[in-house]
Amino acid sequence: MMSTRQSVVAATALTILAASAQGLLPVSASAEASPEASNRPACVYQVTKGNPGVYEKPTRISTLLKRKRPPAKLDSTYCMRYKNEEEDRWYVSVDIKKAQDDIGWIRADRVIRIR
């Protein structure tokens, strides 16, 4: 039986994949490690510039959950990328407890992947 968090994450992933398959949401997800494979995150990002926000959804008009400053490190269990066509910006997923599904989004041009 799935926990509530697992159900929400699975539903979010299915929604993203379905929208991507329909051409509505170009997403690329890394398959380096499944969240169950180990306790460490699949990806780690480091903030490189600015004071970027972590948002509930991959758009700047979404709920701002938190701001990060360099050299903050952010874990990502799923390593998802999303291109917001309206903003012409890429976002990467990061783990954040304040999000409804524990997945937040930060602008990809403000971070570098360090693992």
N, C-alpha and C. Protein backbone atom coordinates (compact mmCIF):
# COMPACT_ATOMS: atom_id res chain seq x y z
N MET A 1 0.84 -1.19 0.00
CA MET A 1 0.00 0.00 0.00
C MET A 1 0.88 1.24 0.00
N MET A 2 0.53 2.21 -0.82
CA MET A 2 1.32 3.43 -0.95
C MET A 2 0.95 4.43 0.14
N SER A 3 1.96 5.16 0.61
CA SER A 3 1.70 6.23 1.56
C SER A 3 1.07 7.41 0.80
N THR A 4 0.57 8.38 1.55
CA THR A 4 -0.04 9.55 0.92
C THR A 4 0.99 10.29 0.08
N ARG A 5 2.21 10.46 0.60
CA ARG A 5 3.27 11.15 -0.13
C ARG A 5 3.59 10.40 -1.42
N GLN A 6 3.73 9.09 -1.34
CA GLN A 6 4.03 8.30 -2.53
C GLN A 6 2.90 8.43 -3.56
N SER A 7 1.67 8.46 -3.10
CA SER A 7 0.53 8.60 -4.01
C SER A 7 0.55 9.95 -4.71
N VAL A 8 0.82 11.02 -3.95
CA VAL A 8 0.87 12.36 -4.52
C VAL A 8 2.02 12.47 -5.51
N VAL A 9 3.20 11.95 -5.15
CA VAL A 9 4.35 12.00 -6.04
C VAL A 9 4.08 11.20 -7.31
N ALA A 10 3.50 10.02 -7.15
CA ALA A 10 3.18 9.19 -8.32
C ALA A 10 2.17 9.89 -9.22
N ALA A 11 1.16 10.50 -8.63
CA ALA A 11 0.15 11.21 -9.42
C ALA A 11 0.77 12.40 -10.14
N THR A 12 1.66 13.14 -9.47
CA THR A 12 2.34 14.27 -10.09
C THR A 12 3.20 13.80 -11.25
N ALA A 13 3.96 12.73 -11.04
CA ALA A 13 4.82 12.20 -12.09
C ALA A 13 4.00 11.74 -13.29
N LEU A 14 2.87 11.08 -13.03
CA LEU A 14 2.01 10.63 -14.12
C LEU A 14 1.42 11.80 -14.89
N THR A 15 1.03 12.85 -14.18
CA THR A 15 0.48 14.04 -14.84
C THR A 15 1.53 14.69 -15.72
N ILE A 16 2.75 14.81 -15.22
CA ILE A 16 3.83 15.42 -15.99
C ILE A 16 4.15 14.56 -17.21
N LEU A 17 4.24 13.24 -17.01
CA LEU A 17 4.54 12.37 -18.13
C LEU A 17 3.43 12.37 -19.18
N ALA A 18 2.19 12.39 -18.74
CA ALA A 18 1.06 12.41 -19.67
C ALA A 18 1.06 13.71 -20.48
N ALA A 19 1.28 14.82 -19.81
CA ALA A 19 1.32 16.11 -20.50
C ALA A 19 2.51 16.15 -21.46
N SER A 20 3.62 15.59 -21.05
CA SER A 20 4.80 15.55 -21.90
C SER A 20 4.53 14.70 -23.14
N ALA A 21 3.88 13.55 -22.96
CA ALA A 21 3.57 12.66 -24.08
C ALA A 21 2.64 13.34 -25.08
N GLN A 22 1.81 14.25 -24.61
CA GLN A 22 0.89 14.96 -25.49
C GLN A 22 1.54 16.20 -26.10
N GLY A 23 2.81 16.43 -25.76
CA GLY A 23 3.51 17.59 -26.30
C GLY A 23 3.20 18.88 -25.59
N LEU A 24 2.50 18.80 -24.47
CA LEU A 24 2.13 20.00 -23.73
C LEU A 24 3.22 20.43 -22.77
N LEU A 25 4.07 19.52 -22.39
CA LEU A 25 4.99 19.76 -21.31
C LEU A 25 6.31 19.05 -21.58
N PRO A 26 7.24 19.67 -22.29
CA PRO A 26 8.49 18.99 -22.57
C PRO A 26 9.32 18.82 -21.30
N VAL A 27 9.47 17.59 -20.86
CA VAL A 27 10.18 17.28 -19.62
C VAL A 27 11.23 16.22 -19.92
N SER A 28 12.39 16.35 -19.30
CA SER A 28 13.34 15.25 -19.36
C SER A 28 13.66 14.87 -17.93
N ALA A 29 13.61 13.60 -17.63
CA ALA A 29 13.89 13.12 -16.28
C ALA A 29 15.07 12.17 -16.33
N SER A 30 15.95 12.31 -15.40
CA SER A 30 17.11 11.43 -15.34
C SER A 30 16.71 10.11 -14.71
N ALA A 31 17.25 9.03 -15.22
CA ALA A 31 16.95 7.71 -14.68
C ALA A 31 18.14 7.16 -13.93
N GLU A 32 18.94 8.03 -13.35
CA GLU A 32 20.16 7.60 -12.69
C GLU A 32 19.90 6.73 -11.47
N ALA A 33 18.90 7.08 -10.70
CA ALA A 33 18.63 6.30 -9.49
C ALA A 33 17.18 6.47 -9.11
N SER A 34 16.56 5.41 -8.70
CA SER A 34 15.20 5.52 -8.21
C SER A 34 15.26 5.93 -6.75
N PRO A 35 14.21 6.59 -6.24
CA PRO A 35 14.24 7.05 -4.86
C PRO A 35 14.35 5.89 -3.87
N GLU A 36 13.88 4.71 -4.26
CA GLU A 36 13.94 3.57 -3.35
C GLU A 36 15.32 2.91 -3.36
N ALA A 37 16.16 3.24 -4.37
CA ALA A 37 17.45 2.57 -4.52
C ALA A 37 18.41 2.88 -3.39
N SER A 38 18.32 4.07 -2.83
CA SER A 38 19.22 4.43 -1.74
C SER A 38 18.60 5.59 -0.98
N ASN A 39 19.24 5.93 0.13
CA ASN A 39 18.74 7.05 0.93
C ASN A 39 19.29 8.38 0.45
N ARG A 40 20.29 8.35 -0.41
CA ARG A 40 20.85 9.62 -0.88
C ARG A 40 20.11 10.09 -2.12
N PRO A 41 20.06 11.41 -2.30
CA PRO A 41 19.32 11.95 -3.45
C PRO A 41 19.99 11.57 -4.77
N ALA A 42 19.20 11.48 -5.82
CA ALA A 42 19.73 11.15 -7.13
C ALA A 42 20.56 12.30 -7.70
N CYS A 43 20.17 13.54 -7.39
CA CYS A 43 20.89 14.72 -7.87
C CYS A 43 21.08 15.70 -6.72
N VAL A 44 22.15 16.48 -6.82
CA VAL A 44 22.38 17.57 -5.88
C VAL A 44 22.74 18.79 -6.72
N TYR A 45 22.07 19.89 -6.45
CA TYR A 45 22.33 21.15 -7.15
C TYR A 45 22.89 22.16 -6.16
N GLN A 46 23.70 23.09 -6.68
CA GLN A 46 24.23 24.17 -5.86
C GLN A 46 23.83 25.49 -6.49
N VAL A 47 23.31 26.40 -5.66
CA VAL A 47 22.93 27.73 -6.13
C VAL A 47 24.21 28.49 -6.49
N THR A 48 24.23 29.07 -7.68
CA THR A 48 25.43 29.75 -8.14
C THR A 48 25.31 31.27 -8.19
N LYS A 49 24.08 31.78 -8.37
CA LYS A 49 23.95 33.23 -8.46
C LYS A 49 22.55 33.67 -8.07
N GLY A 50 22.48 34.92 -7.70
CA GLY A 50 21.18 35.50 -7.37
C GLY A 50 20.62 34.99 -6.05
N ASN A 51 19.34 35.16 -5.92
CA ASN A 51 18.60 34.74 -4.74
C ASN A 51 17.34 34.03 -5.25
N PRO A 52 17.53 32.90 -5.98
CA PRO A 52 16.39 32.29 -6.67
C PRO A 52 15.36 31.71 -5.72
N GLY A 53 14.13 31.73 -6.20
CA GLY A 53 13.04 31.16 -5.43
C GLY A 53 12.82 29.69 -5.77
N VAL A 54 12.31 28.97 -4.78
CA VAL A 54 11.85 27.60 -5.00
C VAL A 54 10.33 27.69 -5.00
N TYR A 55 9.72 27.23 -6.09
CA TYR A 55 8.29 27.40 -6.31
C TYR A 55 7.54 26.07 -6.23
N GLU A 56 6.25 26.15 -5.94
CA GLU A 56 5.38 24.97 -5.88
C GLU A 56 5.29 24.30 -7.25
N LYS A 57 5.21 25.09 -8.30
CA LYS A 57 5.14 24.59 -9.67
C LYS A 57 6.22 25.29 -10.49
N PRO A 58 6.60 24.75 -11.64
CA PRO A 58 7.70 25.35 -12.41
C PRO A 58 7.29 26.61 -13.17
N THR A 59 6.95 27.64 -12.40
CA THR A 59 6.62 28.95 -12.96
C THR A 59 6.79 30.00 -11.87
N ARG A 60 7.21 31.19 -12.27
CA ARG A 60 7.41 32.26 -11.28
C ARG A 60 6.11 32.80 -10.71
N ILE A 61 4.98 32.51 -11.34
CA ILE A 61 3.71 32.99 -10.80
C ILE A 61 3.10 32.00 -9.80
N SER A 62 3.78 30.87 -9.58
CA SER A 62 3.34 29.89 -8.61
C SER A 62 3.72 30.36 -7.20
N THR A 63 3.24 29.65 -6.21
CA THR A 63 3.54 29.97 -4.82
C THR A 63 5.04 29.88 -4.56
N LEU A 64 5.62 30.96 -4.03
CA LEU A 64 7.02 30.97 -3.64
C LEU A 64 7.14 30.26 -2.30
N LEU A 65 7.91 29.18 -2.26
CA LEU A 65 8.05 28.40 -1.03
C LEU A 65 9.24 28.85 -0.20
N LYS A 66 10.31 29.23 -0.86
CA LYS A 66 11.54 29.59 -0.15
C LYS A 66 12.50 30.26 -1.12
N ARG A 67 13.41 31.06 -0.60
CA ARG A 67 14.49 31.64 -1.39
C ARG A 67 15.80 30.99 -0.95
N LYS A 68 16.71 30.83 -1.89
CA LYS A 68 18.01 30.23 -1.60
C LYS A 68 19.11 31.19 -2.03
N ARG A 69 20.22 31.15 -1.32
CA ARG A 69 21.38 31.98 -1.64
C ARG A 69 22.60 31.10 -1.91
N PRO A 70 23.52 31.58 -2.75
CA PRO A 70 24.75 30.82 -2.96
C PRO A 70 25.50 30.70 -1.64
N PRO A 71 26.13 29.63 -1.33
CA PRO A 71 26.32 28.39 -2.08
C PRO A 71 25.40 27.27 -1.59
N ALA A 72 24.13 27.57 -1.34
CA ALA A 72 23.19 26.56 -0.83
C ALA A 72 23.15 25.34 -1.74
N LYS A 73 23.02 24.17 -1.11
CA LYS A 73 22.90 22.91 -1.84
C LYS A 73 21.47 22.41 -1.71
N LEU A 74 20.95 21.86 -2.81
CA LEU A 74 19.57 21.37 -2.86
C LEU A 74 19.56 19.94 -3.38
N ASP A 75 18.91 19.06 -2.64
CA ASP A 75 18.77 17.67 -3.07
C ASP A 75 17.59 17.53 -4.01
N SER A 76 17.68 16.54 -4.89
CA SER A 76 16.59 16.24 -5.80
C SER A 76 16.46 14.72 -5.92
N THR A 77 15.36 14.20 -5.45
CA THR A 77 15.12 12.76 -5.51
C THR A 77 14.83 12.31 -6.94
N TYR A 78 14.17 13.15 -7.73
CA TYR A 78 13.69 12.73 -9.05
C TYR A 78 14.45 13.32 -10.23
N CYS A 79 15.25 14.35 -10.06
CA CYS A 79 16.08 14.93 -11.12
C CYS A 79 15.27 15.30 -12.37
N MET A 80 14.10 15.89 -12.18
CA MET A 80 13.27 16.26 -13.32
C MET A 80 13.63 17.66 -13.81
N ARG A 81 13.51 17.86 -15.12
CA ARG A 81 13.68 19.18 -15.75
C ARG A 81 12.40 19.51 -16.48
N TYR A 82 12.06 20.79 -16.49
CA TYR A 82 10.84 21.23 -17.15
C TYR A 82 11.11 22.56 -17.85
N LYS A 83 10.69 22.67 -19.09
CA LYS A 83 10.81 23.95 -19.79
C LYS A 83 9.46 24.63 -19.80
N ASN A 84 9.39 25.77 -19.15
CA ASN A 84 8.20 26.60 -19.16
C ASN A 84 8.25 27.41 -20.44
N GLU A 85 7.41 27.05 -21.39
CA GLU A 85 7.42 27.69 -22.70
C GLU A 85 7.02 29.16 -22.63
N GLU A 86 6.08 29.50 -21.75
CA GLU A 86 5.63 30.90 -21.64
C GLU A 86 6.75 31.80 -21.13
N GLU A 87 7.54 31.31 -20.19
CA GLU A 87 8.65 32.10 -19.63
C GLU A 87 9.94 31.89 -20.42
N ASP A 88 9.97 30.86 -21.27
CA ASP A 88 11.18 30.46 -21.99
C ASP A 88 12.32 30.20 -21.00
N ARG A 89 12.01 29.43 -19.95
CA ARG A 89 12.99 29.09 -18.91
C ARG A 89 12.88 27.62 -18.55
N TRP A 90 14.03 27.06 -18.20
CA TRP A 90 14.07 25.69 -17.68
C TRP A 90 14.06 25.74 -16.16
N TYR A 91 13.38 24.76 -15.56
CA TYR A 91 13.35 24.58 -14.11
C TYR A 91 13.83 23.17 -13.80
N VAL A 92 14.40 22.97 -12.59
CA VAL A 92 14.74 21.64 -12.12
C VAL A 92 13.99 21.38 -10.82
N SER A 93 13.67 20.12 -10.60
CA SER A 93 12.94 19.76 -9.38
C SER A 93 13.91 19.61 -8.22
N VAL A 94 13.47 20.04 -7.04
CA VAL A 94 14.26 19.89 -5.82
C VAL A 94 13.33 19.44 -4.69
N ASP A 95 13.91 18.79 -3.71
CA ASP A 95 13.13 18.32 -2.57
C ASP A 95 12.90 19.48 -1.60
N ILE A 96 11.65 19.68 -1.22
CA ILE A 96 11.33 20.71 -0.24
C ILE A 96 10.05 20.30 0.48
N LYS A 97 10.11 20.26 1.78
CA LYS A 97 8.97 19.80 2.58
C LYS A 97 7.78 20.75 2.52
N LYS A 98 8.00 22.01 2.21
CA LYS A 98 6.90 22.99 2.17
C LYS A 98 5.96 22.78 0.99
N ALA A 99 6.40 22.04 -0.02
CA ALA A 99 5.56 21.79 -1.19
C ALA A 99 4.51 20.73 -0.87
N GLN A 100 3.37 20.80 -1.53
CA GLN A 100 2.31 19.82 -1.29
C GLN A 100 2.76 18.41 -1.57
N ASP A 101 3.57 18.23 -2.61
CA ASP A 101 4.05 16.89 -2.97
C ASP A 101 5.53 16.70 -2.63
N ASP A 102 6.09 17.58 -1.83
CA ASP A 102 7.51 17.58 -1.43
C ASP A 102 8.46 17.85 -2.59
N ILE A 103 7.93 18.32 -3.72
CA ILE A 103 8.75 18.65 -4.87
C ILE A 103 8.58 20.13 -5.19
N GLY A 104 9.70 20.85 -5.17
CA GLY A 104 9.70 22.25 -5.54
C GLY A 104 10.46 22.42 -6.85
N TRP A 105 10.40 23.62 -7.41
CA TRP A 105 11.03 23.89 -8.70
C TRP A 105 11.83 25.17 -8.59
N ILE A 106 13.07 25.14 -9.13
CA ILE A 106 13.96 26.29 -9.11
C ILE A 106 14.51 26.50 -10.53
N ARG A 107 14.77 27.74 -10.88
CA ARG A 107 15.29 28.03 -12.23
C ARG A 107 16.62 27.33 -12.45
N ALA A 108 16.73 26.65 -13.56
CA ALA A 108 17.94 25.88 -13.86
C ALA A 108 19.15 26.77 -14.11
N ASP A 109 18.94 28.00 -14.56
CA ASP A 109 20.08 28.89 -14.83
C ASP A 109 20.67 29.49 -13.56
N ARG A 110 20.08 29.19 -12.42
CA ARG A 110 20.59 29.71 -11.14
C ARG A 110 21.31 28.64 -10.32
N VAL A 111 21.38 27.43 -10.85
CA VAL A 111 22.01 26.33 -10.13
C VAL A 111 22.92 25.54 -11.07
N ILE A 112 23.85 24.79 -10.48
CA ILE A 112 24.62 23.82 -11.24
C ILE A 112 24.46 22.47 -10.56
N ARG A 113 24.51 21.44 -11.35
CA ARG A 113 24.41 20.09 -10.79
C ARG A 113 25.80 19.66 -10.34
N ILE A 114 25.91 19.28 -9.07
CA ILE A 114 27.21 18.85 -8.54
C ILE A 114 27.25 17.34 -8.29
N ARG A 115 26.08 16.67 -8.39
CA ARG A 115 26.03 15.20 -8.29
C ARG A 115 24.76 14.70 -8.90
